[in-house]
Protein backbone atom coordinates (compact mmCIF):
# COMPACT_ATOMS: atom_id res chain seq x y z
CA MET A 1 6.61 11.61 -11.70
CA LYS A 2 4.61 8.91 -9.90
CA LYS A 3 6.20 5.48 -9.62
CA LYS A 4 4.39 2.84 -11.68
CA ILE A 5 3.58 -0.53 -10.12
CA LEU A 6 2.46 -3.66 -11.97
CA ILE A 7 0.08 -5.86 -9.97
CA ILE A 8 -0.16 -9.49 -11.13
CA GLU A 9 -3.17 -10.91 -9.32
CA ASP A 10 -5.98 -13.05 -10.76
CA GLU A 11 -8.40 -12.28 -7.93
CA LEU A 12 -9.57 -8.94 -9.24
CA ILE A 13 -11.12 -7.85 -5.95
CA ILE A 14 -7.72 -8.20 -4.29
CA ALA A 15 -5.99 -6.51 -7.25
CA ASN A 16 -8.34 -3.55 -7.01
CA HIS A 17 -7.88 -3.36 -3.23
CA LEU A 18 -4.12 -3.18 -3.74
CA ARG A 19 -4.58 -0.53 -6.41
CA ILE A 20 -6.71 1.63 -4.11
CA ILE A 21 -4.19 1.37 -1.26
CA LEU A 22 -1.22 2.21 -3.47
CA GLU A 23 -2.84 4.95 -5.56
CA SER A 24 -4.09 6.65 -2.40
CA ASN A 25 -0.43 6.84 -1.41
CA GLY A 26 0.79 8.42 -4.63
CA TYR A 27 1.56 5.49 -6.95
CA ASN A 28 0.24 4.61 -10.39
CA CYS A 29 -0.90 0.99 -10.74
CA LEU A 30 -1.71 -1.37 -13.59
CA ILE A 31 -4.08 -4.23 -12.76
CA GLY A 32 -5.96 -6.80 -14.83
CA ILE A 33 -2.83 -8.83 -15.51
CA THR A 34 -3.63 -12.38 -14.41
CA SER A 35 -0.92 -14.60 -15.88
CA VAL A 36 2.86 -14.78 -16.20
CA GLU A 37 2.59 -14.58 -19.98
CA GLU A 38 0.61 -11.32 -19.85
CA ALA A 39 3.01 -9.95 -17.27
CA ARG A 40 6.05 -10.63 -19.46
CA THR A 41 4.42 -8.68 -22.28
CA GLU A 42 3.63 -5.70 -20.04
CA ILE A 43 7.11 -5.68 -18.50
CA ASN A 44 8.68 -5.56 -21.99
CA ARG A 45 6.27 -2.79 -22.99
CA ASN A 46 6.46 -0.56 -19.90
CA ASP A 47 8.97 0.81 -17.44
CA PHE A 48 7.78 -0.26 -13.96
CA SER A 49 9.30 0.81 -10.66
CA LEU A 50 7.99 -2.27 -8.82
CA ILE A 51 6.13 -5.51 -9.51
CA LEU A 52 3.73 -7.25 -7.10
CA ILE A 53 3.24 -10.93 -7.93
CA ASP A 54 0.63 -13.33 -6.61
CA VAL A 55 2.46 -16.63 -6.21
CA ASN A 56 -0.54 -18.90 -6.74
CA LEU A 57 -1.97 -17.84 -10.08
CA LYS A 58 -4.81 -20.12 -11.13
CA SER A 59 -3.92 -20.53 -14.79
CA GLY A 60 -0.61 -21.32 -16.47
CA LEU A 61 2.69 -20.75 -14.68
CA ASP A 62 2.82 -19.70 -11.04
CA GLY A 63 4.27 -16.37 -9.97
CA THR A 64 7.70 -17.74 -9.09
CA ASN A 65 8.33 -18.40 -12.79
CA LEU A 66 8.16 -14.67 -13.38
CA GLY A 67 10.34 -14.18 -10.31
CA LYS A 68 13.06 -16.24 -12.00
CA ASP A 69 13.00 -13.89 -15.00
CA LEU A 70 13.18 -10.82 -12.80
CA LEU A 71 15.98 -12.27 -10.69
CA LYS A 72 18.02 -12.96 -13.82
CA ASN A 73 17.51 -9.48 -15.31
CA ASP A 74 17.81 -7.66 -11.97
CA THR A 75 16.38 -4.38 -13.25
CA VAL A 76 13.21 -3.99 -11.19
CA PRO A 77 12.33 -5.05 -7.61
CA TYR A 78 9.51 -7.54 -7.04
CA ILE A 79 7.37 -8.53 -4.07
CA TYR A 80 5.41 -11.76 -3.74
CA ILE A 81 1.88 -11.90 -2.38
CA THR A 82 0.83 -15.26 -0.99
CA GLY A 83 -1.54 -16.92 1.41
CA SER A 84 0.35 -20.23 1.29
CA ASN A 85 2.83 -21.43 3.89
CA ASP A 86 3.48 -24.97 2.64
CA LEU A 87 7.10 -26.04 2.26
CA THR A 88 6.91 -26.37 -1.52
CA THR A 89 5.77 -22.78 -1.97
CA ILE A 90 8.31 -21.48 0.54
CA TYR A 91 11.09 -23.31 -1.30
CA LYS A 92 10.05 -21.83 -4.65
CA ILE A 93 9.94 -18.36 -3.13
CA LYS A 94 13.39 -18.70 -1.55
CA GLU A 95 14.89 -19.85 -4.85
CA THR A 96 13.88 -16.62 -6.62
CA ARG A 97 15.08 -14.27 -3.87
CA PRO A 98 12.25 -11.68 -3.88
CA HIS A 99 12.80 -8.23 -2.43
CA GLY A 100 9.82 -8.66 -0.14
CA ILE A 101 6.84 -10.87 0.73
CA ILE A 102 3.31 -9.85 1.75
CA ILE A 103 1.15 -12.47 3.46
CA LYS A 104 -2.60 -12.65 2.87
CA PRO A 105 -4.73 -11.43 4.51
CA PHE A 106 -2.88 -8.14 4.66
CA LYS A 107 -3.45 -4.71 6.15
CA ASN A 108 -2.88 -1.41 4.40
CA ILE A 109 0.26 -0.88 6.45
CA ASP A 110 1.70 -4.20 5.24
CA ILE A 111 1.43 -2.98 1.67
CA ILE A 112 2.71 0.57 2.12
CA SER A 113 5.56 -0.20 4.52
CA THR A 114 6.83 -3.15 2.44
CA VAL A 115 6.61 -1.21 -0.83
CA GLU A 116 8.36 1.84 0.64
CA ILE A 117 11.21 -0.19 2.14
CA VAL A 118 11.73 -2.30 -0.99
CA LEU A 119 11.80 0.75 -3.27
CA ASN A 120 14.16 2.55 -0.91
CA ASN A 121 16.55 -0.39 -0.65
CA PHE A 122 16.54 -1.03 -4.40
CA LYS A 123 17.28 2.63 -5.07
CA TYR A 124 20.50 2.29 -3.11
CA LYS A 125 21.44 -1.10 -4.52
CA LYS A 126 23.38 0.25 -7.51
CA ILE A 127 25.13 3.05 -5.62
CA ASP A 128 28.88 2.76 -5.28
CA ILE A 129 29.13 3.25 -1.53
CA THR A 130 32.89 3.87 -1.71
CA ARG A 131 32.03 7.18 -3.42
CA SER A 132 29.22 8.07 -1.04
CA SER A 133 29.71 10.43 1.85
CA ALA A 134 27.57 8.15 3.99
CA ASN A 135 26.74 4.49 3.74
CA PRO A 136 23.18 4.44 2.27
CA PHE A 137 22.52 1.03 3.74
CA LEU A 138 22.58 2.63 7.19
CA ASP A 139 19.54 4.76 6.35
CA GLU A 140 17.01 3.84 9.02
CA ASN A 141 14.39 6.36 7.97
CA PRO A 142 12.06 3.84 6.23
CA TYR A 143 12.07 1.62 9.31
CA ILE A 144 11.31 4.56 11.57
CA ILE A 145 8.51 5.63 9.24
CA LYS A 146 7.18 2.06 9.34
CA ARG A 147 6.87 2.29 13.14
CA VAL A 148 4.95 5.53 12.74
CA ILE A 149 2.64 3.98 10.13
CA GLU A 150 2.02 1.02 12.43
CA TYR A 151 1.03 3.43 15.20
CA ILE A 152 -1.33 5.27 12.85
CA SER A 153 -2.93 2.01 11.73
CA GLU A 154 -3.40 0.78 15.30
CA ASN A 155 -4.82 4.11 16.51
CA ILE A 156 -6.75 5.25 13.45
CA SER A 157 -9.90 5.68 15.54
CA GLU A 158 -8.16 8.17 17.83
CA LYS A 159 -7.23 11.80 17.33
CA ILE A 160 -3.65 11.57 16.12
CA GLU A 161 -1.37 14.52 16.79
CA ILE A 162 1.71 15.26 14.68
CA SER A 163 3.64 15.88 17.89
CA THR A 164 2.90 12.31 19.02
CA LEU A 165 4.12 10.86 15.70
CA ALA A 166 7.30 12.95 15.89
CA LYS A 167 8.00 11.59 19.38
CA ILE A 168 7.64 8.00 18.10
CA ALA A 169 10.25 8.80 15.46
CA ASN A 170 12.35 10.64 18.05
CA TRP A 171 12.64 13.62 15.69
CA THR A 172 11.64 17.25 15.89
CA GLU A 173 8.22 17.93 14.36
CA GLN A 174 9.74 19.88 11.46
CA HIS A 175 12.23 17.11 10.62
CA PHE A 176 9.55 14.44 11.01
CA ILE A 177 7.18 16.21 8.60
CA ARG A 178 9.96 16.64 6.04
CA VAL A 179 11.16 13.01 6.14
CA PHE A 180 7.65 11.52 6.28
CA THR A 181 6.55 13.59 3.28
CA LYS A 182 9.67 12.62 1.34
CA HIS A 183 9.08 8.89 1.82
CA LEU A 184 5.30 8.71 1.49
CA LYS A 185 4.69 11.66 -0.87
CA HIS A 186 2.05 12.94 1.53
CA THR A 187 2.31 15.06 4.65
CA PRO A 188 1.56 13.22 7.92
CA TYR A 189 -1.75 15.10 8.14
CA GLN A 190 -2.74 14.05 4.60
CA TYR A 191 -1.77 10.43 5.24
CA VAL A 192 -3.71 10.20 8.51
CA LEU A 193 -6.76 11.80 6.89
CA GLN A 194 -6.63 9.37 3.95
CA GLN A 195 -6.41 6.38 6.29
CA LYS A 196 -9.38 7.66 8.30
CA ILE A 197 -11.39 8.09 5.09
CA GLU A 198 -10.46 4.55 3.97
CA LYS A 199 -11.63 3.23 7.35
CA SER A 200 -14.84 5.23 7.12
CA LYS A 201 -15.58 3.80 3.66
CA ILE A 202 -15.44 0.29 5.12
CA LEU A 203 -17.77 1.27 7.96
CA LEU A 204 -20.18 3.00 5.60
CA LYS A 205 -20.25 0.00 3.30
CA GLU A 206 -20.26 -2.87 5.79
CA THR A 207 -22.18 -1.50 8.82
CA ASN A 208 -25.29 0.48 9.71
CA ILE A 209 -23.45 2.73 12.17
CA SER A 210 -24.75 6.27 11.84
CA ILE A 211 -22.56 8.70 9.94
CA GLY A 212 -22.38 10.93 13.01
CA ASN A 213 -21.05 8.05 15.11
CA ILE A 214 -18.55 7.11 12.41
CA ALA A 215 -17.28 10.68 12.40
CA PHE A 216 -17.00 10.65 16.19
CA ASP A 217 -15.36 7.20 16.31
CA LEU A 218 -12.70 8.27 13.82
CA GLY A 219 -11.78 11.37 15.78
CA PHE A 220 -13.38 14.08 13.62
CA ASN A 221 -14.53 17.20 15.43
CA SER A 222 -18.03 17.06 13.99
CA TYR A 223 -20.28 15.45 11.41
CA SER A 224 -19.85 18.43 9.08
CA ASN A 225 -16.06 18.32 9.42
CA PHE A 226 -16.09 14.63 8.48
CA SER A 227 -18.54 15.16 5.62
CA VAL A 228 -16.43 17.93 4.07
CA ALA A 229 -13.22 15.87 4.35
CA PHE A 230 -14.92 12.77 2.91
CA LYS A 231 -16.32 14.65 -0.08
CA LYS A 232 -12.97 16.29 -0.75
CA GLU A 233 -11.25 12.87 -0.85
CA THR A 234 -13.93 10.89 -2.71
CA GLY A 235 -16.04 13.43 -4.55
CA LYS A 236 -19.15 12.16 -2.72
CA THR A 237 -20.88 12.82 0.57
CA PRO A 238 -20.78 9.95 3.10
CA ASN A 239 -24.52 9.41 2.67
CA THR A 240 -24.27 9.23 -1.13
CA TYR A 241 -21.35 6.79 -0.88
CA ARG A 242 -23.24 4.54 1.55
CA ASN A 243 -26.35 4.49 -0.62
CA GLU A 244 -24.33 3.65 -3.74
CA MET A 245 -22.49 0.83 -1.99
CA LYS A 246 -25.71 -0.65 -0.65
CA ALA A 247 -27.30 -0.43 -4.10
CA LYS A 248 -24.35 -2.29 -5.63
CA LYS A 249 -24.52 -4.99 -2.98
CA PHE A 250 -28.27 -5.37 -3.51
CA SER A 251 -27.86 -5.65 -7.30
CA LYS A 252 -25.28 -8.41 -6.85
CA ILE A 253 -27.64 -10.36 -4.58
CA LYS A 254 -30.40 -10.09 -7.21
C-alpha cells in the first residue's frame, strides 16, 4: 500500500509541484489544505504516514501551531517547508522539534531524500532495540541512497549507468538494485528515467529547444527512444505536451 502524505501549503503551485515529485516516486498525496484548522480536520479523518507543513501560512495560525499538536501526539512524522531564515521563525521551528526541514527553493532531491530519511527514521523510532539483532539506528542505507540520488540529480543530462551508481554506494550491482528499489519503490533504471522525463517536461514547457536536442541532451539514444519513453510516462508525445503547455500559458496571458 502506498504511503499517504498530507501537504499543507497555501501556494497551490508549490503544493502541486510537491505532489508531482512525491507521486512520481510512489506516494499518495493530499493537497488543497491551506490552513491549520483544515489540516487538523484531515488528520483526525485520515491515517497519514507523513505531513509536510508550510511554516508561513497566509491565513490564520502558522504551521508551527500544527507542529505543536503533532509533537504532543507523536504519532506521525512532520517536515516543515520554509523560505524564511529570520530568528523568530527559526526559534518557533526549534520549539516544535520537526523531523526534517526543507528550504525553499528546493530541488526534487531535497524532497525525496528528506522524506525517505524521515520515514525510515520514524519507522525505527518505536522499535525496542534491546530485542533487535542489530541496532536499527546504525542503518546507513538511506544516507547512501541520498548520495546516489544527489549524483543522479547533478548528472541527469548524462547517460547514467547502474554500475556507476553501484560504485558510488560501494555495493555490488545486485545488492544496490535491491536496496535502492526497497527504499524508493522504483528500480534505479525507473527512477533515472522518471527524473529525465521530469527534466524534459521543464525544457519542453519553458524553452524552444528542439525535441531532438532535448532527447540528445538528456542522454537518450534517439528521438524515437525518448518519444516512446515520454509517452509511456505521461500518456502524451513530447510534441503534444509542449503544445498543450504553450496553449495554457497563452490562455493565462490573455
